[in-house]
Amino acid sequence: MLEQVEEAARALAYIIVIDRYHLGNRTATVTLAAESQRQLLPSALLTPRE
């Protein structure tokens, strides 16, 4: 049981870190629909071009 709780805690911590990272990279507030569409784009389209 303790191993399952530790695994769930690690997964939750990972989700929180990733969420905080994404929020920190935002320059503007987006709607849920826009965020959903953004998640479907290939990563090449999301990075700035030189």
N, C-alpha and C. Protein backbone atom coordinates (compact mmCIF):
# COMPACT_ATOMS: atom_id res chain seq x y z
N MET A 1 0.82 -1.20 0.00
CA MET A 1 0.00 0.00 0.00
C MET A 1 0.87 1.27 0.00
N LEU A 2 1.90 1.27 0.84
CA LEU A 2 2.78 2.44 0.93
C LEU A 2 3.47 2.71 -0.41
N GLU A 3 3.86 1.66 -1.12
CA GLU A 3 4.50 1.82 -2.43
C GLU A 3 3.55 2.48 -3.42
N GLN A 4 2.28 2.13 -3.37
CA GLN A 4 1.30 2.72 -4.27
C GLN A 4 1.09 4.20 -3.95
N VAL A 5 1.08 4.54 -2.68
CA VAL A 5 0.93 5.95 -2.28
C VAL A 5 2.15 6.74 -2.74
N GLU A 6 3.35 6.18 -2.58
CA GLU A 6 4.57 6.86 -3.02
C GLU A 6 4.56 7.06 -4.53
N GLU A 7 4.13 6.06 -5.27
CA GLU A 7 4.06 6.17 -6.73
C GLU A 7 3.05 7.25 -7.14
N ALA A 8 1.90 7.28 -6.50
CA ALA A 8 0.89 8.30 -6.80
C ALA A 8 1.41 9.69 -6.44
N ALA A 9 2.13 9.82 -5.34
CA ALA A 9 2.68 11.12 -4.93
C ALA A 9 3.72 11.60 -5.94
N ARG A 10 4.56 10.69 -6.42
CA ARG A 10 5.55 11.05 -7.44
C ARG A 10 4.87 11.52 -8.72
N ALA A 11 3.84 10.82 -9.14
CA ALA A 11 3.11 11.19 -10.36
C ALA A 11 2.45 12.55 -10.19
N LEU A 12 1.84 12.80 -9.06
CA LEU A 12 1.21 14.09 -8.80
C LEU A 12 2.24 15.21 -8.78
N ALA A 13 3.38 14.97 -8.15
CA ALA A 13 4.44 15.98 -8.12
C ALA A 13 4.92 16.30 -9.52
N TYR A 14 5.06 15.29 -10.35
CA TYR A 14 5.48 15.51 -11.74
C TYR A 14 4.45 16.36 -12.49
N ILE A 15 3.19 16.06 -12.33
CA ILE A 15 2.13 16.83 -12.98
C ILE A 15 2.16 18.29 -12.53
N ILE A 16 2.35 18.51 -11.25
CA ILE A 16 2.38 19.88 -10.73
C ILE A 16 3.58 20.64 -11.29
N VAL A 17 4.74 20.01 -11.33
CA VAL A 17 5.93 20.68 -11.87
C VAL A 17 5.72 21.04 -13.33
N ILE A 18 5.21 20.12 -14.11
CA ILE A 18 4.97 20.39 -15.54
C ILE A 18 3.95 21.51 -15.70
N ASP A 19 2.89 21.48 -14.91
CA ASP A 19 1.86 22.52 -14.99
C ASP A 19 2.44 23.88 -14.65
N ARG A 20 3.26 23.96 -13.60
CA ARG A 20 3.89 25.23 -13.21
C ARG A 20 4.83 25.72 -14.31
N TYR A 21 5.53 24.79 -14.96
CA TYR A 21 6.43 25.15 -16.06
C TYR A 21 5.64 25.77 -17.20
N HIS A 22 4.54 25.13 -17.58
CA HIS A 22 3.72 25.65 -18.67
C HIS A 22 3.13 27.01 -18.32
N LEU A 23 2.67 27.18 -17.10
CA LEU A 23 2.12 28.47 -16.69
C LEU A 23 3.18 29.56 -16.70
N GLY A 24 4.40 29.22 -16.35
CA GLY A 24 5.49 30.19 -16.35
C GLY A 24 5.88 30.65 -17.73
N ASN A 25 5.63 29.82 -18.73
CA ASN A 25 5.98 30.17 -20.11
C ASN A 25 4.88 30.94 -20.83
N ARG A 26 3.77 31.14 -20.20
CA ARG A 26 2.66 31.84 -20.83
C ARG A 26 2.90 33.34 -20.83
N THR A 27 2.58 33.98 -21.95
CA THR A 27 2.64 35.44 -22.00
C THR A 27 1.23 36.02 -21.98
N ALA A 28 0.24 35.18 -22.21
CA ALA A 28 -1.15 35.64 -22.21
C ALA A 28 -2.04 34.52 -21.69
N THR A 29 -3.19 34.88 -21.16
CA THR A 29 -4.17 33.91 -20.71
C THR A 29 -4.85 33.30 -21.93
N VAL A 30 -5.04 31.99 -21.90
CA VAL A 30 -5.70 31.32 -23.02
C VAL A 30 -6.93 30.59 -22.51
N THR A 31 -7.84 30.33 -23.42
CA THR A 31 -9.05 29.59 -23.07
C THR A 31 -8.75 28.10 -23.04
N LEU A 32 -9.64 27.35 -22.47
CA LEU A 32 -9.48 25.90 -22.43
C LEU A 32 -9.44 25.33 -23.84
N ALA A 33 -10.27 25.84 -24.73
CA ALA A 33 -10.29 25.36 -26.11
C ALA A 33 -8.95 25.62 -26.80
N ALA A 34 -8.39 26.81 -26.60
CA ALA A 34 -7.11 27.14 -27.21
C ALA A 34 -6.00 26.27 -26.65
N GLU A 35 -6.01 26.03 -25.36
CA GLU A 35 -5.00 25.17 -24.75
C GLU A 35 -5.12 23.74 -25.28
N SER A 36 -6.32 23.25 -25.43
CA SER A 36 -6.53 21.90 -25.96
C SER A 36 -5.98 21.78 -27.37
N GLN A 37 -6.23 22.79 -28.19
CA GLN A 37 -5.72 22.77 -29.56
C GLN A 37 -4.20 22.87 -29.58
N ARG A 38 -3.65 23.68 -28.70
CA ARG A 38 -2.20 23.85 -28.64
C ARG A 38 -1.52 22.53 -28.29
N GLN A 39 -2.12 21.75 -27.40
CA GLN A 39 -1.55 20.47 -27.00
C GLN A 39 -1.51 19.47 -28.16
N LEU A 40 -2.36 19.67 -29.15
CA LEU A 40 -2.41 18.76 -30.29
C LEU A 40 -1.37 19.09 -31.37
N LEU A 41 -0.78 20.28 -31.31
CA LEU A 41 0.20 20.69 -32.32
C LEU A 41 1.53 19.97 -32.13
N PRO A 42 2.22 19.69 -33.24
CA PRO A 42 3.57 19.12 -33.10
C PRO A 42 4.49 20.14 -32.42
N SER A 43 5.45 19.66 -31.66
CA SER A 43 6.33 20.57 -30.92
C SER A 43 7.11 21.51 -31.84
N ALA A 44 7.38 21.11 -33.07
CA ALA A 44 8.11 21.97 -34.00
C ALA A 44 7.36 23.28 -34.28
N LEU A 45 6.06 23.25 -34.19
CA LEU A 45 5.27 24.45 -34.45
C LEU A 45 5.19 25.36 -33.23
N LEU A 46 5.59 24.89 -32.07
CA LEU A 46 5.46 25.65 -30.85
C LEU A 46 6.75 26.36 -30.45
N THR A 47 7.87 26.01 -31.09
CA THR A 47 9.14 26.63 -30.72
C THR A 47 9.42 27.80 -31.64
N PRO A 48 10.03 28.87 -31.11
CA PRO A 48 10.34 30.04 -31.95
C PRO A 48 11.37 29.68 -33.02
N ARG A 49 11.22 30.29 -34.15
CA ARG A 49 12.18 30.05 -35.24
C ARG A 49 13.25 31.12 -35.22
N GLU A 50 14.43 30.74 -35.67
CA GLU A 50 15.55 31.70 -35.72
C GLU A 50 15.56 32.44 -37.03
